[in-house]
Amino acid sequence: MIAALAGAISAAPAMAAAPACPGRSFNTFLAAFAANADIQRAHVADPLSSGRIDAETEPEPRMVTSSLPKAALGFPIMPLGAERRRDGLEMRTAPKGGGKFEVVLAKPDTGYQLRYQFQPVGDCWQLSAMTDESM
């Protein structure tokens, strides 16, 4: 009986383990997140809050938000280092309190700007929202 129970337990599907956090500090986490699409995939909320400016609305452009399932997202969700350098993107990070951080990618002297919101989850962080504020 015990042997049969042990066999049934070992045959049960294993629960997927949470991915290891790639950094103890947010800056270390962000460096890994910004450099690797697999790390991005592992540390994105499901669904992800996504916003963009709809320039066609009247009388003026407005922000449109939606919730996107992780399966619908294209990765990398944050441009990787080579693409950021090629496109002249600058990255700024600001703490938002409660362990949250905001990362802004912008191209100087253009209307290109992306905002990424990270929140603490356990002893790591997760991308919880992104907004394309480009005009």
Protein backbone atom coordinates (compact mmCIF):
# COMPACT_ATOMS: atom_id res chain seq x y z
CA MET A 1 0.00 0.00 0.00
CA ILE A 2 2.74 2.46 0.96
CA ALA A 3 4.76 1.47 -2.13
CA ALA A 4 1.69 2.05 -4.34
CA LEU A 5 1.13 5.46 -2.74
CA ALA A 6 4.78 6.41 -3.21
CA GLY A 7 4.56 5.41 -6.87
CA ALA A 8 1.43 7.52 -7.35
CA ILE A 9 3.11 10.53 -5.74
CA SER A 10 6.20 10.23 -7.94
CA ALA A 11 3.99 9.87 -11.04
CA ALA A 12 2.14 13.12 -10.27
CA PRO A 13 3.18 16.04 -12.48
CA ALA A 14 5.74 18.29 -10.85
CA MET A 15 4.71 21.84 -10.06
CA ALA A 16 6.67 24.38 -12.09
CA ALA A 17 9.18 26.07 -9.83
CA ALA A 18 9.32 29.83 -9.83
CA PRO A 19 12.33 31.03 -11.80
CA ALA A 20 15.27 32.18 -9.75
CA CYS A 21 15.61 35.91 -9.33
CA PRO A 22 18.54 37.14 -11.45
CA GLY A 23 19.56 39.79 -8.90
CA ARG A 24 19.40 40.68 -5.24
CA SER A 25 19.13 44.41 -5.99
CA PHE A 26 16.75 45.97 -8.52
CA ASN A 27 19.68 47.33 -10.57
CA THR A 28 21.19 43.85 -10.89
CA PHE A 29 17.76 42.38 -11.71
CA LEU A 30 17.15 45.09 -14.33
CA ALA A 31 20.54 44.54 -15.99
CA ALA A 32 19.67 40.85 -16.43
CA PHE A 33 16.07 41.57 -17.47
CA ALA A 34 17.20 44.13 -20.07
CA ALA A 35 19.75 41.70 -21.53
CA ASN A 36 17.80 38.45 -21.85
CA ALA A 37 14.42 37.65 -23.41
CA ASP A 38 14.09 34.42 -21.38
CA ILE A 39 14.49 36.36 -18.12
CA GLN A 40 11.90 38.84 -19.37
CA ARG A 41 9.49 35.99 -20.16
CA ALA A 42 9.97 34.55 -16.66
CA HIS A 43 9.36 37.87 -14.85
CA VAL A 44 6.28 39.33 -16.61
CA ALA A 45 2.81 39.47 -15.07
CA ASP A 46 0.08 37.42 -16.69
CA PRO A 47 -1.88 39.35 -17.79
CA LEU A 48 0.29 42.40 -18.37
CA SER A 49 -1.29 45.85 -18.21
CA SER A 50 -0.46 47.61 -21.47
CA GLY A 51 -1.11 51.17 -22.53
CA ARG A 52 -0.58 53.20 -25.66
CA ILE A 53 -1.51 56.65 -26.89
CA ASP A 54 -4.28 56.69 -29.46
CA ALA A 55 -3.42 59.72 -31.59
CA GLU A 56 -6.66 59.41 -33.58
CA THR A 57 -9.04 60.31 -30.74
CA GLU A 58 -10.76 63.68 -30.69
CA PRO A 59 -10.41 66.35 -29.45
CA GLU A 60 -6.90 65.18 -28.49
CA PRO A 61 -4.92 61.94 -28.14
CA ARG A 62 -5.70 59.77 -25.11
CA MET A 63 -4.21 56.75 -23.34
CA VAL A 64 -5.82 53.40 -24.14
CA THR A 65 -5.11 50.52 -21.77
CA SER A 66 -5.71 46.79 -21.97
CA SER A 67 -4.69 43.56 -20.26
CA LEU A 68 -2.64 41.27 -22.45
CA PRO A 69 -2.17 37.58 -21.69
CA LYS A 70 1.47 36.54 -21.52
CA ALA A 71 0.91 34.15 -24.44
CA ALA A 72 0.04 37.14 -26.67
CA LEU A 73 3.21 39.09 -25.85
CA GLY A 74 6.21 39.25 -28.15
CA PHE A 75 9.60 38.85 -26.50
CA PRO A 76 11.82 40.59 -25.88
CA ILE A 77 9.27 42.98 -24.44
CA MET A 78 12.04 45.44 -23.54
CA PRO A 79 14.57 46.02 -26.33
CA LEU A 80 17.84 44.21 -25.60
CA GLY A 81 21.18 46.02 -25.28
CA ALA A 82 22.28 45.87 -28.93
CA GLU A 83 18.91 47.21 -30.13
CA ARG A 84 18.90 49.97 -27.47
CA ARG A 85 22.39 51.07 -28.52
CA ARG A 86 21.56 50.89 -32.24
CA ASP A 87 18.41 52.98 -31.75
CA GLY A 88 20.04 55.50 -29.39
CA LEU A 89 17.70 54.67 -26.50
CA GLU A 90 18.48 55.96 -23.04
CA MET A 91 17.30 54.14 -19.91
CA ARG A 92 16.30 55.89 -16.67
CA THR A 93 15.20 54.16 -13.48
CA ALA A 94 13.24 55.67 -10.60
CA PRO A 95 12.02 54.08 -7.35
CA LYS A 96 8.27 54.46 -6.82
CA GLY A 97 7.96 53.35 -3.19
CA GLY A 98 6.93 50.03 -1.74
CA GLY A 99 9.69 48.24 -3.65
CA LYS A 100 8.23 49.35 -7.01
CA PHE A 101 10.35 50.82 -9.80
CA GLU A 102 9.69 52.62 -13.06
CA VAL A 103 12.04 52.30 -16.02
CA VAL A 104 11.79 54.73 -18.93
CA LEU A 105 13.33 54.08 -22.34
CA ALA A 106 13.46 57.19 -24.47
CA LYS A 107 15.18 58.44 -27.58
CA PRO A 108 16.34 62.02 -27.02
CA ASP A 109 14.86 64.72 -29.25
CA THR A 110 12.09 62.43 -30.50
CA GLY A 111 8.64 61.47 -29.29
CA TYR A 112 9.75 57.88 -28.56
CA GLN A 113 9.14 56.86 -24.93
CA LEU A 114 8.30 53.55 -23.26
CA ARG A 115 7.51 53.14 -19.52
CA TYR A 116 7.93 49.88 -17.66
CA GLN A 117 6.46 49.40 -14.17
CA PHE A 118 8.00 46.74 -11.93
CA GLN A 119 6.56 45.54 -8.65
CA PRO A 120 8.03 43.27 -6.01
CA VAL A 121 6.90 39.64 -6.08
CA GLY A 122 8.37 37.52 -3.32
CA ASP A 123 12.05 38.36 -3.16
CA CYS A 124 12.23 39.48 -6.80
CA TRP A 125 10.44 41.84 -9.24
CA GLN A 126 7.95 41.42 -12.03
CA LEU A 127 7.04 43.65 -14.96
CA SER A 128 3.44 44.55 -14.12
CA ALA A 129 2.69 47.26 -16.70
CA MET A 130 4.15 48.87 -19.77
CA THR A 131 3.06 52.01 -21.55
CA ASP A 132 4.07 53.22 -25.01
CA GLU A 133 3.86 57.01 -24.78
CA SER A 134 5.42 57.55 -28.20
CA MET A 135 3.82 60.18 -30.39
